[in-house]
N, C-alpha and C. Protein backbone atom coordinates (compact mmCIF):
# COMPACT_ATOMS: atom_id res chain seq x y z
N MET A 1 51.22 -43.15 -10.14
CA MET A 1 51.61 -42.50 -9.09
C MET A 1 52.78 -41.87 -10.08
N MET A 2 54.02 -42.04 -10.22
CA MET A 2 54.84 -41.77 -11.16
C MET A 2 54.54 -40.46 -12.23
N LYS A 3 53.42 -41.29 -13.12
CA LYS A 3 52.95 -40.41 -14.01
C LYS A 3 52.46 -38.65 -13.22
N MET A 4 51.58 -39.61 -12.25
CA MET A 4 50.95 -37.93 -11.84
C MET A 4 51.93 -36.90 -11.60
N ALA A 5 52.94 -37.45 -10.89
CA ALA A 5 54.15 -36.95 -10.22
C ALA A 5 54.73 -36.24 -11.25
N ALA A 6 55.13 -37.08 -12.07
CA ALA A 6 55.69 -36.17 -13.47
C ALA A 6 54.94 -35.04 -14.41
N SER A 7 53.56 -35.68 -14.01
CA SER A 7 52.42 -34.21 -14.37
C SER A 7 52.78 -33.04 -13.85
N VAL A 8 52.50 -33.02 -12.72
CA VAL A 8 52.49 -31.94 -12.03
C VAL A 8 54.07 -31.35 -11.96
N ALA A 9 55.09 -31.87 -12.19
CA ALA A 9 56.13 -31.65 -12.24
C ALA A 9 56.47 -30.63 -13.70
N ALA A 10 55.98 -31.25 -14.50
CA ALA A 10 55.87 -30.91 -15.90
C ALA A 10 55.10 -29.28 -15.91
N LEU A 11 53.88 -29.59 -14.98
CA LEU A 11 53.10 -28.02 -14.83
C LEU A 11 53.64 -27.17 -14.38
N TRP A 12 54.28 -27.34 -13.27
CA TRP A 12 55.18 -26.77 -12.32
C TRP A 12 56.49 -25.62 -12.94
N GLN A 13 56.92 -26.51 -13.90
CA GLN A 13 58.09 -25.98 -15.08
C GLN A 13 57.64 -25.31 -15.72
N ARG A 14 56.33 -25.21 -16.44
CA ARG A 14 55.69 -24.48 -17.29
C ARG A 14 54.78 -23.04 -16.74
N ILE A 15 54.83 -23.23 -15.30
CA ILE A 15 54.42 -21.99 -14.91
C ILE A 15 55.79 -20.59 -14.59
N PRO A 16 55.55 -19.72 -15.02
CA PRO A 16 56.55 -18.20 -15.60
C PRO A 16 56.92 -17.95 -13.93
N LYS A 17 58.37 -17.85 -13.63
CA LYS A 17 59.13 -17.49 -12.66
C LYS A 17 58.44 -16.25 -11.81
N ALA A 18 58.14 -15.26 -12.50
CA ALA A 18 57.31 -14.34 -12.07
C ALA A 18 56.23 -14.47 -11.70
N VAL A 19 55.30 -15.33 -11.93
CA VAL A 19 54.31 -15.85 -11.50
C VAL A 19 54.37 -16.57 -9.75
N LEU A 20 55.35 -17.28 -10.04
CA LEU A 20 55.41 -18.23 -8.78
C LEU A 20 56.41 -16.80 -7.47
N PHE A 21 56.84 -16.08 -8.16
CA PHE A 21 58.00 -15.26 -7.07
C PHE A 21 56.45 -14.12 -6.38
N GLY A 22 55.75 -13.68 -7.39
CA GLY A 22 54.42 -12.75 -6.90
C GLY A 22 53.62 -13.90 -6.08
N GLY A 23 53.19 -14.86 -6.35
CA GLY A 23 52.49 -15.81 -5.52
C GLY A 23 53.18 -15.62 -4.12
N ALA A 24 54.41 -15.98 -4.32
CA ALA A 24 54.99 -16.00 -2.96
C ALA A 24 55.34 -14.93 -1.85
N VAL A 25 55.33 -13.41 -2.91
CA VAL A 25 55.07 -12.20 -2.44
C VAL A 25 54.02 -11.89 -1.41
N LEU A 26 52.74 -12.35 -2.57
CA LEU A 26 51.22 -12.61 -1.48
C LEU A 26 51.25 -12.94 -0.18
N VAL A 27 51.87 -14.40 -0.52
CA VAL A 27 51.63 -15.38 0.81
C VAL A 27 52.00 -14.58 1.78
N GLN A 28 53.50 -13.94 2.01
CA GLN A 28 54.25 -13.49 2.69
C GLN A 28 53.38 -12.26 3.15
N CYS A 29 52.95 -11.01 2.29
CA CYS A 29 51.82 -10.06 2.36
C CYS A 29 50.65 -10.56 3.44
N ALA A 30 50.08 -11.32 2.94
CA ALA A 30 48.92 -12.20 3.36
C ALA A 30 49.24 -12.12 5.21
N LEU A 31 50.33 -13.22 5.67
CA LEU A 31 51.07 -13.49 6.66
C LEU A 31 51.27 -12.30 7.49
N LEU A 32 52.02 -11.38 6.99
CA LEU A 32 52.31 -10.01 7.38
C LEU A 32 50.86 -9.57 8.17
N MET A 33 49.79 -9.19 7.39
CA MET A 33 49.01 -8.90 7.70
C MET A 33 48.16 -9.40 8.64
N LEU A 34 47.54 -10.76 8.75
CA LEU A 34 47.55 -12.02 9.68
C LEU A 34 47.72 -10.84 11.27
N MET A 35 49.13 -11.11 11.32
CA MET A 35 50.04 -10.97 12.17
C MET A 35 49.84 -9.76 12.93
N VAL A 36 49.28 -8.51 11.99
CA VAL A 36 49.36 -6.96 12.38
C VAL A 36 47.47 -7.00 12.67
N ALA A 37 46.61 -7.59 12.36
CA ALA A 37 45.47 -7.86 12.97
C ALA A 37 45.02 -8.20 13.86
N ASP A 38 46.19 -9.24 14.56
CA ASP A 38 46.18 -10.14 15.53
C ASP A 38 46.31 -9.19 16.80
N ARG A 39 47.79 -8.17 16.64
CA ARG A 39 48.27 -7.76 17.32
C ARG A 39 47.10 -6.44 17.67
N VAL A 40 46.74 -5.67 16.85
CA VAL A 40 45.52 -4.51 17.02
C VAL A 40 44.37 -4.90 17.87
N GLN A 41 44.13 -6.15 17.41
CA GLN A 41 42.53 -6.76 18.39
C GLN A 41 43.35 -7.06 19.52
N ILE A 42 44.70 -7.59 20.03
CA ILE A 42 44.98 -7.72 21.30
C ILE A 42 45.02 -5.90 21.84
N LEU A 43 45.28 -5.24 21.26
CA LEU A 43 45.48 -3.64 21.65
C LEU A 43 44.35 -3.16 21.64
N ARG A 44 43.12 -3.05 20.83
CA ARG A 44 42.15 -2.57 21.17
C ARG A 44 40.95 -3.20 21.90
N GLU A 45 41.09 -4.38 21.85
CA GLU A 45 40.15 -5.60 22.64
C GLU A 45 40.42 -5.57 24.20
N GLY A 46 41.68 -5.38 24.34
CA GLY A 46 42.32 -6.01 25.56
C GLY A 46 42.28 -5.40 26.58
N THR A 47 41.78 -6.17 27.97
CA THR A 47 41.80 -4.98 29.36
C THR A 47 43.07 -4.77 29.31
N GLU A 48 43.25 -3.48 29.96
CA GLU A 48 44.75 -2.71 30.51
C GLU A 48 44.61 -3.39 31.62
N VAL A 49 46.20 -3.42 31.81
CA VAL A 49 46.68 -3.74 33.21
C VAL A 49 48.19 -2.94 33.04
N THR A 50 48.46 -2.49 34.32
CA THR A 50 49.96 -2.09 34.54
C THR A 50 50.67 -2.84 35.42
N LEU A 51 51.78 -2.60 34.94
CA LEU A 51 52.90 -3.57 35.43
C LEU A 51 53.96 -3.17 36.16
N GLN A 52 54.60 -3.46 37.10
CA GLN A 52 55.80 -2.70 37.52
C GLN A 52 57.10 -3.37 36.91
N THR A 53 57.83 -2.76 36.32
CA THR A 53 58.96 -3.85 35.66
C THR A 53 59.76 -3.49 36.77
N GLN A 54 61.11 -4.60 36.71
CA GLN A 54 62.08 -4.99 37.68
C GLN A 54 63.53 -4.52 36.77
N PRO A 55 64.79 -4.58 38.14
CA PRO A 55 66.22 -4.21 37.38
C PRO A 55 66.34 -5.48 36.65
N VAL A 56 67.00 -5.34 35.54
CA VAL A 56 67.80 -6.42 34.92
C VAL A 56 69.14 -6.67 34.69
N ASP A 57 69.89 -7.74 35.42
CA ASP A 57 70.88 -8.11 34.67
C ASP A 57 72.17 -7.56 33.92
N PRO A 58 73.16 -6.34 34.52
CA PRO A 58 73.83 -5.69 33.72
C PRO A 58 74.17 -6.30 32.66
N ARG A 59 74.45 -7.79 32.71
CA ARG A 59 75.00 -8.44 31.13
C ARG A 59 74.19 -8.51 30.23
N ASP A 60 72.77 -8.02 30.32
CA ASP A 60 71.66 -7.86 29.58
C ASP A 60 71.28 -6.73 29.35
N LEU A 61 71.58 -5.78 29.20
CA LEU A 61 71.09 -4.72 28.89
C LEU A 61 70.05 -4.23 27.27
N LEU A 62 70.68 -3.15 26.87
CA LEU A 62 69.98 -2.79 25.84
C LEU A 62 70.58 -3.66 24.57
N ARG A 63 69.60 -4.43 23.86
CA ARG A 63 70.27 -5.04 22.57
C ARG A 63 69.73 -4.23 21.37
N GLY A 64 70.92 -3.84 20.82
CA GLY A 64 70.14 -3.45 19.53
C GLY A 64 69.19 -1.91 20.21
N ASP A 65 67.88 -1.83 19.32
CA ASP A 65 67.27 -0.54 19.52
C ASP A 65 66.05 -1.00 20.16
N TYR A 66 66.46 -2.06 21.23
CA TYR A 66 64.70 -2.68 22.27
C TYR A 66 65.53 -2.54 23.48
N VAL A 67 64.65 -2.47 24.78
CA VAL A 67 64.84 -2.57 25.77
C VAL A 67 64.23 -4.09 26.65
N VAL A 68 65.34 -4.35 27.36
CA VAL A 68 65.03 -5.72 27.84
C VAL A 68 64.33 -5.30 29.12
N LEU A 69 63.10 -6.18 29.04
CA LEU A 69 61.84 -5.77 30.56
C LEU A 69 61.84 -7.34 31.57
N ARG A 70 61.61 -6.90 32.40
CA ARG A 70 61.57 -8.15 33.69
C ARG A 70 60.23 -7.45 34.63
N TYR A 71 59.14 -8.15 35.07
CA TYR A 71 58.29 -7.60 35.88
C TYR A 71 58.16 -8.68 37.29
N ASP A 72 57.58 -7.49 38.00
CA ASP A 72 57.06 -8.38 39.75
C ASP A 72 56.79 -9.67 39.31
N ILE A 73 55.65 -9.92 38.21
CA ILE A 73 55.26 -10.98 37.95
C ILE A 73 55.87 -12.71 36.67
N SER A 74 57.33 -12.05 36.50
CA SER A 74 58.34 -12.74 36.29
C SER A 74 58.59 -14.20 36.94
N GLN A 75 58.97 -13.69 38.35
CA GLN A 75 58.81 -14.95 38.96
C GLN A 75 58.03 -15.27 40.05
N LEU A 76 57.41 -15.69 40.06
CA LEU A 76 56.30 -16.13 40.85
C LEU A 76 56.59 -17.95 41.55
N PRO A 77 56.13 -17.74 42.59
CA PRO A 77 55.73 -19.37 43.82
C PRO A 77 54.87 -19.92 42.81
N ALA A 78 55.26 -21.20 42.72
CA ALA A 78 54.35 -22.12 41.52
C ALA A 78 52.85 -22.61 42.59
N GLY A 79 52.88 -22.02 43.66
CA GLY A 79 51.69 -22.65 44.38
C GLY A 79 51.44 -24.09 44.51
N SER A 80 50.22 -24.19 44.29
CA SER A 80 49.72 -25.75 43.89
C SER A 80 50.14 -26.53 42.59
N LEU A 81 50.68 -25.80 41.96
CA LEU A 81 51.33 -26.70 40.91
C LEU A 81 52.52 -27.19 41.22
N ALA A 82 53.35 -26.84 42.00
CA ALA A 82 54.87 -27.20 42.76
C ALA A 82 54.66 -28.80 42.87
N GLY A 83 55.93 -29.42 41.76
CA GLY A 83 56.02 -30.60 41.90
C GLY A 83 55.13 -31.72 40.92
N LYS A 84 53.94 -30.65 40.47
CA LYS A 84 53.50 -31.40 39.58
C LYS A 84 53.62 -31.92 38.35
N PRO A 85 53.16 -32.97 37.49
CA PRO A 85 53.82 -33.04 36.54
C PRO A 85 53.30 -31.97 35.38
N ALA A 86 54.56 -31.49 34.51
CA ALA A 86 54.30 -30.56 33.75
C ALA A 86 54.46 -31.60 32.05
N ASP A 87 53.51 -30.68 31.15
CA ASP A 87 53.29 -31.24 29.80
C ASP A 87 54.52 -30.91 28.76
N ALA A 88 54.97 -29.74 29.08
CA ALA A 88 56.01 -29.94 28.28
C ALA A 88 57.41 -29.21 29.24
N ARG A 89 58.69 -29.25 28.16
CA ARG A 89 59.84 -28.42 29.05
C ARG A 89 59.43 -26.99 29.49
N ASN A 90 58.83 -26.37 28.52
CA ASN A 90 58.08 -24.89 28.61
C ASN A 90 57.16 -25.22 28.61
N PRO A 91 56.19 -25.20 29.53
CA PRO A 91 54.74 -25.46 30.13
C PRO A 91 54.05 -23.94 29.88
N THR A 92 53.02 -23.82 29.42
CA THR A 92 51.80 -22.87 29.14
C THR A 92 51.45 -23.04 30.84
N VAL A 93 51.33 -21.46 31.25
CA VAL A 93 50.45 -21.51 32.63
C VAL A 93 49.58 -20.14 32.24
N PHE A 94 48.72 -20.17 33.31
CA PHE A 94 47.54 -18.88 33.31
C PHE A 94 47.92 -18.20 34.41
N VAL A 95 48.12 -17.06 34.49
CA VAL A 95 48.62 -16.06 35.95
C VAL A 95 47.26 -14.86 36.37
N LYS A 96 46.54 -15.60 36.77
CA LYS A 96 45.60 -14.52 37.48
C LYS A 96 46.31 -13.55 38.20
N LEU A 97 45.53 -12.38 37.90
CA LEU A 97 46.21 -10.71 38.06
C LEU A 97 44.92 -10.10 38.82
N ALA A 98 45.35 -9.55 40.15
CA ALA A 98 44.37 -8.26 40.51
C ALA A 98 45.13 -7.15 40.72
N PRO A 99 44.73 -6.05 40.87
CA PRO A 99 44.93 -4.57 41.11
C PRO A 99 45.15 -4.49 42.79
N ASN A 100 46.52 -4.16 43.02
CA ASN A 100 47.04 -3.46 44.85
C ASN A 100 46.27 -2.14 44.71
N ALA A 101 46.82 -1.71 46.17
CA ALA A 101 46.25 -0.55 46.28
C ALA A 101 46.61 0.51 45.63
N ASP A 102 48.24 -0.17 45.01
CA ASP A 102 48.71 1.41 43.89
C ASP A 102 47.92 1.06 42.49
N GLY A 103 47.40 0.34 42.27
CA GLY A 103 47.11 0.12 40.79
C GLY A 103 47.49 -0.54 40.37
N LEU A 104 48.65 -1.18 40.43
CA LEU A 104 49.49 -1.97 39.79
C LEU A 104 48.74 -3.77 39.83
N TYR A 105 49.02 -4.27 38.66
CA TYR A 105 48.66 -5.72 38.92
C TYR A 105 49.48 -6.46 39.26
N ALA A 106 49.36 -7.26 40.39
CA ALA A 106 50.26 -8.64 41.00
C ALA A 106 49.38 -9.94 41.01
N ALA A 107 50.39 -10.78 40.93
CA ALA A 107 49.99 -12.40 40.63
C ALA A 107 49.19 -12.87 42.19
N VAL A 108 47.77 -13.69 41.74
CA VAL A 108 47.56 -13.99 42.64
C VAL A 108 47.32 -15.39 42.91
N SER A 109 47.53 -16.23 41.22
CA SER A 109 47.92 -17.20 41.74
C SER A 109 47.79 -17.97 39.94
N VAL A 110 48.83 -19.14 39.99
CA VAL A 110 49.62 -19.80 38.58
C VAL A 110 48.60 -21.08 38.58
N HIS A 111 48.28 -21.03 37.41
CA HIS A 111 47.10 -22.11 36.90
C HIS A 111 47.69 -22.77 35.55
N ALA A 112 47.88 -24.15 35.81
CA ALA A 112 48.07 -25.10 33.92
C ALA A 112 46.64 -24.99 32.95
N GLU A 113 45.88 -24.47 33.77
CA GLU A 113 44.90 -24.63 32.74
C GLU A 113 44.03 -23.04 32.75
N PRO A 114 43.20 -22.64 31.63
CA PRO A 114 42.49 -21.21 32.51
C PRO A 114 41.34 -21.23 33.41
N VAL A 115 41.33 -20.82 34.35
CA VAL A 115 40.12 -20.80 35.33
C VAL A 115 39.61 -19.14 35.49
N GLN A 116 38.66 -19.39 35.97
CA GLN A 116 37.62 -18.24 35.83
C GLN A 116 38.48 -17.22 36.61
N VAL A 117 37.72 -15.63 35.99
CA VAL A 117 38.11 -14.54 36.49
C VAL A 117 37.02 -13.33 36.94
N THR A 118 36.70 -12.75 37.58
CA THR A 118 35.79 -11.49 38.00
C THR A 118 37.01 -10.63 37.49
N ALA A 119 36.24 -9.44 37.04
CA ALA A 119 36.71 -7.79 37.25
C ALA A 119 36.93 -7.29 38.21
N PRO A 120 37.76 -6.67 38.55
CA PRO A 120 38.94 -6.53 37.79
C PRO A 120 39.69 -7.36 37.60
N GLU A 121 39.72 -8.28 37.97
CA GLU A 121 41.11 -9.48 37.61
C GLU A 121 41.34 -10.02 36.60
N VAL A 122 42.14 -10.43 35.99
CA VAL A 122 42.91 -10.42 34.52
C VAL A 122 43.40 -12.06 34.41
N LEU A 123 43.36 -12.50 33.61
CA LEU A 123 44.14 -13.70 33.54
C LEU A 123 45.00 -13.84 31.88
N ILE A 124 46.51 -13.44 32.25
CA ILE A 124 46.92 -13.68 31.27
C ILE A 124 48.15 -15.02 31.46
N ARG A 125 48.29 -15.57 30.18
CA ARG A 125 49.28 -16.68 29.85
C ARG A 125 50.35 -16.35 29.15
N GLY A 126 51.38 -17.32 30.02
CA GLY A 126 52.82 -17.37 29.60
C GLY A 126 53.32 -18.46 29.71
N ARG A 127 54.86 -18.52 29.67
CA ARG A 127 55.42 -19.78 29.19
C ARG A 127 56.05 -19.80 30.49
N VAL A 128 56.60 -21.00 30.82
CA VAL A 128 57.57 -21.11 32.12
C VAL A 128 58.82 -21.27 31.61
N SER A 129 60.14 -20.79 31.51
CA SER A 129 60.99 -21.04 30.71
C SER A 129 61.90 -22.50 30.88
N HIS A 130 61.63 -23.10 32.26
CA HIS A 130 62.12 -24.56 32.21
C HIS A 130 61.20 -25.11 33.26
N SER A 131 61.03 -26.73 33.38
CA SER A 131 60.21 -27.17 34.36
C SER A 131 61.97 -28.12 35.03
N CYS A 132 61.39 -28.43 36.08
CA CYS A 132 62.13 -29.14 36.94
C CYS A 132 62.05 -30.36 36.20
N GLY A 133 63.00 -31.25 37.20
CA GLY A 133 63.40 -33.02 36.68
C GLY A 133 64.01 -33.22 35.18
N SER A 134 64.41 -34.18 35.01
CA SER A 134 65.11 -34.65 33.70
C SER A 134 64.14 -35.40 33.02
N SER A 135 64.20 -36.89 33.75
CA SER A 135 62.95 -38.02 32.81
C SER A 135 61.74 -37.24 32.96
N VAL A 136 61.37 -36.95 33.97
CA VAL A 136 59.56 -36.36 33.97
C VAL A 136 59.98 -35.04 34.60
N ARG A 137 59.24 -34.63 33.66
CA ARG A 137 58.82 -33.21 33.98
C ARG A 137 58.09 -32.65 35.01
N THR A 138 58.43 -31.64 36.02
CA THR A 138 57.68 -31.48 37.01
C THR A 138 57.68 -29.58 37.02
N PHE A 139 56.51 -28.78 37.66
CA PHE A 139 56.96 -27.60 38.39
C PHE A 139 57.66 -27.38 39.13
N CYS A 140 58.47 -26.56 38.80
CA CYS A 140 59.64 -26.19 39.94
C CYS A 140 59.03 -25.32 41.04
N ASP A 141 59.36 -25.25 42.37
CA ASP A 141 58.32 -24.55 43.42
C ASP A 141 58.50 -23.30 43.21
N ARG A 142 59.49 -22.50 42.52
CA ARG A 142 59.30 -21.28 41.82
C ARG A 142 59.47 -21.58 40.36
N LEU A 143 58.67 -20.07 39.64
CA LEU A 143 58.63 -20.49 38.28
C LEU A 143 59.20 -19.15 37.54
N THR A 144 59.94 -19.22 36.83
CA THR A 144 60.47 -17.61 35.67
C THR A 144 58.99 -18.13 34.10
N VAL A 145 58.28 -17.06 34.24
CA VAL A 145 57.54 -16.85 33.09
C VAL A 145 57.59 -15.86 32.11
N LYS A 146 57.50 -16.04 31.02
CA LYS A 146 57.80 -14.83 30.15
C LYS A 146 56.27 -14.90 29.26
N TYR A 147 56.08 -13.86 29.01
CA TYR A 147 54.78 -13.19 28.66
C TYR A 147 54.36 -12.86 26.98
N GLY A 148 55.74 -12.37 26.32
CA GLY A 148 55.98 -11.86 25.38
C GLY A 148 55.91 -10.76 25.60
N LEU A 149 55.98 -9.91 26.31
CA LEU A 149 56.00 -8.28 26.95
C LEU A 149 57.76 -8.53 27.56
N GLU A 150 58.71 -8.98 27.12
CA GLU A 150 59.83 -8.93 27.57
C GLU A 150 60.57 -7.58 26.97
N SER A 151 60.33 -7.27 25.61
CA SER A 151 61.17 -6.44 25.02
C SER A 151 60.48 -5.05 24.56
N TYR A 152 60.82 -3.92 24.62
CA TYR A 152 60.16 -3.04 23.61
C TYR A 152 61.24 -2.19 22.72
N PHE A 153 60.99 -1.92 21.49
CA PHE A 153 61.84 -1.33 20.55
C PHE A 153 61.23 0.09 20.91
N VAL A 154 62.32 1.23 21.01
CA VAL A 154 62.16 2.43 21.14
C VAL A 154 63.10 2.97 19.81
N PRO A 155 63.06 3.87 19.79
CA PRO A 155 63.85 4.93 19.12
C PRO A 155 65.40 4.78 19.42
N GLU A 156 66.05 4.70 17.98
CA GLU A 156 67.78 4.82 18.54
C GLU A 156 68.00 5.89 19.29
N GLY A 157 68.83 5.61 20.82
CA GLY A 157 69.96 6.52 21.43
C GLY A 157 68.97 6.69 22.56
N GLU A 158 67.72 6.14 22.31
CA GLU A 158 66.74 6.52 23.86
C GLU A 158 66.80 5.39 25.25
N GLY A 159 67.19 4.16 24.46
CA GLY A 159 67.30 3.10 25.55
C GLY A 159 67.60 3.53 26.79
N GLY A 160 69.02 4.04 26.45
CA GLY A 160 69.94 4.21 28.11
C GLY A 160 68.86 5.03 28.84
N LYS A 161 67.82 6.20 28.81
CA LYS A 161 67.37 6.64 29.81
C LYS A 161 66.13 5.25 30.01
N LEU A 162 65.39 4.55 29.59
CA LEU A 162 64.26 3.88 29.65
C LEU A 162 65.28 2.81 30.51
N GLU A 163 66.37 2.09 30.81
CA GLU A 163 66.82 1.30 31.40
C GLU A 163 67.13 2.00 32.11
N GLN A 164 67.63 3.03 32.53
CA GLN A 164 68.02 3.65 33.93
C GLN A 164 66.82 3.64 34.50
N ALA A 165 65.65 4.23 34.15
CA ALA A 165 64.50 4.11 34.85
C ALA A 165 64.19 2.94 35.03
N ARG A 166 64.31 1.94 34.26
CA ARG A 166 63.65 0.47 34.18
C ARG A 166 64.70 0.23 35.68
N ASN A 167 65.71 0.33 35.77
CA ASN A 167 66.50 -0.03 37.10
C ASN A 167 66.50 0.66 38.14
N GLN A 168 65.47 1.61 37.86
CA GLN A 168 65.37 2.32 39.23
C GLN A 168 64.00 2.26 39.87
N GLN A 169 63.10 1.30 38.96
CA GLN A 169 62.26 0.59 39.64
C GLN A 169 61.08 2.13 39.38
N LYS A 170 61.31 3.19 38.20
CA LYS A 170 60.55 4.29 37.55
C LYS A 170 59.85 3.91 36.17
N LEU A 171 59.84 2.63 35.64
CA LEU A 171 59.01 2.33 34.80
C LEU A 171 58.12 1.53 34.55
N ARG A 172 57.24 1.72 34.51
CA ARG A 172 55.86 0.70 34.07
C ARG A 172 55.40 0.55 32.97
N ILE A 173 54.75 -0.83 32.52
CA ILE A 173 54.39 -0.80 31.44
C ILE A 173 52.77 -1.15 31.43
N VAL A 174 51.98 -0.67 30.10
CA VAL A 174 50.28 -0.43 30.65
C VAL A 174 50.41 -2.04 29.05
N ALA A 175 49.83 -2.99 29.88
CA ALA A 175 49.84 -4.26 28.83
C ALA A 175 47.99 -4.39 28.38
N ALA A 176 47.96 -4.67 27.19
CA ALA A 176 46.57 -5.08 27.12
C ALA A 176 46.61 -7.01 27.06
N VAL A 177 45.42 -7.22 27.65
CA VAL A 177 45.15 -8.73 27.68
C VAL A 177 44.00 -9.05 27.67
N LEU A 178 43.76 -9.93 26.52
CA LEU A 178 42.43 -10.37 25.90
C LEU A 178 42.12 -11.50 27.06
N PRO A 179 40.55 -11.81 27.02
CA PRO A 179 40.26 -12.85 27.35
C PRO A 179 41.21 -14.27 27.39
N SER A 180 41.42 -14.59 26.22
CA SER A 180 42.25 -15.95 25.83
C SER A 180 43.49 -16.00 26.78
N GLY A 181 44.17 -14.66 27.27
CA GLY A 181 45.21 -14.56 27.89
C GLY A 181 46.42 -14.27 26.89
N ARG A 182 46.07 -13.69 26.08
CA ARG A 182 47.20 -13.25 25.02
C ARG A 182 47.35 -11.92 25.67
N ALA A 183 48.50 -11.41 25.32
CA ALA A 183 48.81 -9.88 26.03
C ALA A 183 49.93 -9.03 24.92
N ALA A 184 50.08 -8.14 25.13
CA ALA A 184 50.54 -7.10 23.87
C ALA A 184 51.07 -6.07 24.93
N ILE A 185 52.09 -5.40 24.54
CA ILE A 185 52.59 -3.70 25.42
C ILE A 185 51.68 -2.33 24.52
N LYS A 186 50.88 -1.91 25.63
CA LYS A 186 49.98 -0.72 24.89
C LYS A 186 50.94 0.53 25.21
N ARG A 187 51.55 0.68 25.96
CA ARG A 187 52.14 2.25 25.92
C ARG A 187 53.27 2.09 27.53
N LEU A 188 54.55 2.88 27.50
CA LEU A 188 55.34 2.73 28.77
C LEU A 188 55.02 3.97 29.71
N LEU A 189 55.02 4.07 30.60
CA LEU A 189 54.81 4.92 31.64
C LEU A 189 56.16 5.38 32.43
N LEU A 190 56.76 6.54 32.25
CA LEU A 190 57.61 6.88 32.73
C LEU A 190 57.48 7.93 33.96
N ASP A 191 57.85 7.54 35.36
CA ASP A 191 57.12 8.12 36.76
C ASP A 191 55.98 8.40 35.93
N GLY A 192 55.27 7.43 36.14
CA GLY A 192 53.52 7.79 35.70
C GLY A 192 52.97 8.24 34.40
N GLN A 193 53.95 8.80 33.83
CA GLN A 193 54.08 9.50 32.58
C GLN A 193 53.73 8.20 31.29
N PRO A 194 52.83 8.76 30.41
CA PRO A 194 52.81 7.87 29.18
C PRO A 194 54.48 8.53 28.44
N VAL A 195 54.88 7.66 27.76
CA VAL A 195 56.26 8.37 26.91
C VAL A 195 56.34 7.72 25.90
N TYR A 196 55.73 6.27 25.89
CA TYR A 196 55.55 5.74 24.14
C TYR A 196 54.33 4.98 24.50
N GLU A 197 53.67 5.38 23.39
CA GLU A 197 52.06 4.23 23.08
C GLU A 197 52.35 3.60 21.74
N GLU A 198 51.52 2.59 21.63
CA GLU A 198 51.81 1.41 20.61
C GLU A 198 50.45 2.18 19.78
N PRO A 199 50.71 2.37 18.20
CA PRO A 199 49.87 2.87 17.37
C PRO A 199 48.62 1.84 17.17
N LEU A 200 47.45 2.30 17.11
CA LEU A 200 46.52 0.78 16.62
C LEU A 200 46.66 0.92 15.17
N TYR A 201 47.51 1.17 14.38
CA TYR A 201 47.96 1.08 12.80
C TYR A 201 46.50 1.55 12.09
């Protein structure tokens, strides 16, 4: 075993540093390409849902060049999950959404596991920000859920206008949602008109 470790170490030392550096760069590029491909899949294949944004606490406004977003579906009654054991401090949940009379998607129910939906319903995956209980984790009566849609990068200097629109509830987002529940922001709507659209790369 010691001989094998020594021979591996010796072989490692004989590899030129430029080759090691090049290998590390290739691995990073491959990971970046996988992330881009994953996002493109969501944007191209996901079902579009329009969500209403909600005002955000003034202490949590623009951070750099992105706008902090919160939605009607960010705070939900736990329904049948209330008081049930949670498998983690920040458990994954699946929220069934359906369009209302205005065409905005609203929460119908929340579940610990994926459930069947029929169009135009969709199932979006989120993570509860915390669970109730100290030693035994349980679902609270009301849940704060994050979907990975809580921030959007904007051109420098554009955030203030969008924050003001958000706090006046004039800002909506269109998200693409895959059958697995994964979602990504596809475009921003200001007074119903598209203002920013994610490129499909």
